Amino acid sequence: MDRIAANTLKTLRLLPRAMLVLMLLAAPVLAVPMMRADTGSTIEAPALKNSGVGFVLLVSLQRG
């Protein structure tokens, strides 16, 4: 009976540590779906204005 009690106490002492390690390992895996579900965190660049500078440079370089 003492052996069973000793094994049970060992197991109960290791259980909090095992749970902590499992939570640390599972946290990144569980955080990925939460980040993908949030569409508000997408940063988009502002639309570029067409000023026509590229065409002017192209024409001026062809003349030179």
Protein backbone atom coordinates (compact mmCIF):
# COMPACT_ATOMS: atom_id res chain seq x y z
CA MET A 1 0.00 0.00 0.00
CA ASP A 2 2.90 2.34 0.69
CA ARG A 3 4.27 1.81 -2.80
CA ILE A 4 0.96 2.80 -4.39
CA ALA A 5 0.74 5.89 -2.20
CA ALA A 6 4.33 6.88 -3.04
CA ASN A 7 3.69 6.51 -6.79
CA THR A 8 0.48 8.51 -6.48
CA LEU A 9 2.29 11.33 -4.67
CA LYS A 10 5.05 11.38 -7.27
CA THR A 11 2.48 11.59 -10.03
CA LEU A 12 0.60 14.39 -8.28
CA ARG A 13 3.84 16.35 -7.84
CA LEU A 14 4.73 16.03 -11.51
CA LEU A 15 1.25 16.86 -12.77
CA PRO A 16 1.45 20.69 -12.38
CA ARG A 17 4.83 20.78 -14.15
CA ALA A 18 3.55 18.62 -16.98
CA MET A 19 0.48 20.83 -17.38
CA LEU A 20 2.68 23.95 -17.49
CA VAL A 21 4.91 22.46 -20.18
CA LEU A 22 1.90 21.37 -22.23
CA MET A 23 0.35 24.83 -21.99
CA LEU A 24 3.59 26.50 -23.10
CA LEU A 25 3.85 24.15 -26.07
CA ALA A 26 0.19 24.49 -27.04
CA ALA A 27 -0.04 28.30 -26.77
CA PRO A 28 1.47 29.10 -30.22
CA VAL A 29 -0.60 26.40 -31.90
CA LEU A 30 -3.80 27.74 -30.36
CA ALA A 31 -2.90 31.38 -31.13
CA VAL A 32 -2.57 30.89 -34.91
CA PRO A 33 -6.29 30.39 -35.67
CA MET A 34 -7.16 33.43 -33.55
CA MET A 35 -4.79 35.64 -35.55
CA ARG A 36 -6.11 34.36 -38.88
CA ALA A 37 -9.71 35.01 -37.86
CA ASP A 38 -9.04 38.69 -37.19
CA THR A 39 -9.20 40.49 -40.54
CA GLY A 40 -8.87 43.93 -38.96
CA SER A 41 -5.12 43.56 -38.51
CA THR A 42 -4.39 43.69 -42.26
CA ILE A 43 -2.41 46.78 -43.25
CA GLU A 44 -2.88 47.88 -46.83
CA ALA A 45 -0.78 50.38 -48.73
CA PRO A 46 -2.44 53.54 -50.02
CA ALA A 47 -3.33 53.62 -53.70
CA LEU A 48 -0.65 55.16 -55.88
CA LYS A 49 -1.55 58.22 -57.93
CA ASN A 50 -0.75 58.09 -61.63
CA SER A 51 1.21 61.28 -62.22
CA GLY A 52 2.65 60.40 -65.64
CA VAL A 53 6.27 61.01 -64.62
CA GLY A 54 7.35 57.61 -65.94
CA PHE A 55 6.06 58.38 -69.42
CA VAL A 56 7.81 61.78 -69.44
CA LEU A 57 11.10 60.15 -68.43
CA LEU A 58 10.72 57.46 -71.06
CA VAL A 59 10.15 60.01 -73.85
CA SER A 60 13.00 62.26 -72.69
CA LEU A 61 15.46 59.35 -72.51
CA GLN A 62 14.56 58.19 -76.02
CA ARG A 63 15.35 61.64 -77.45
CA GLY A 64 18.78 61.80 -75.82
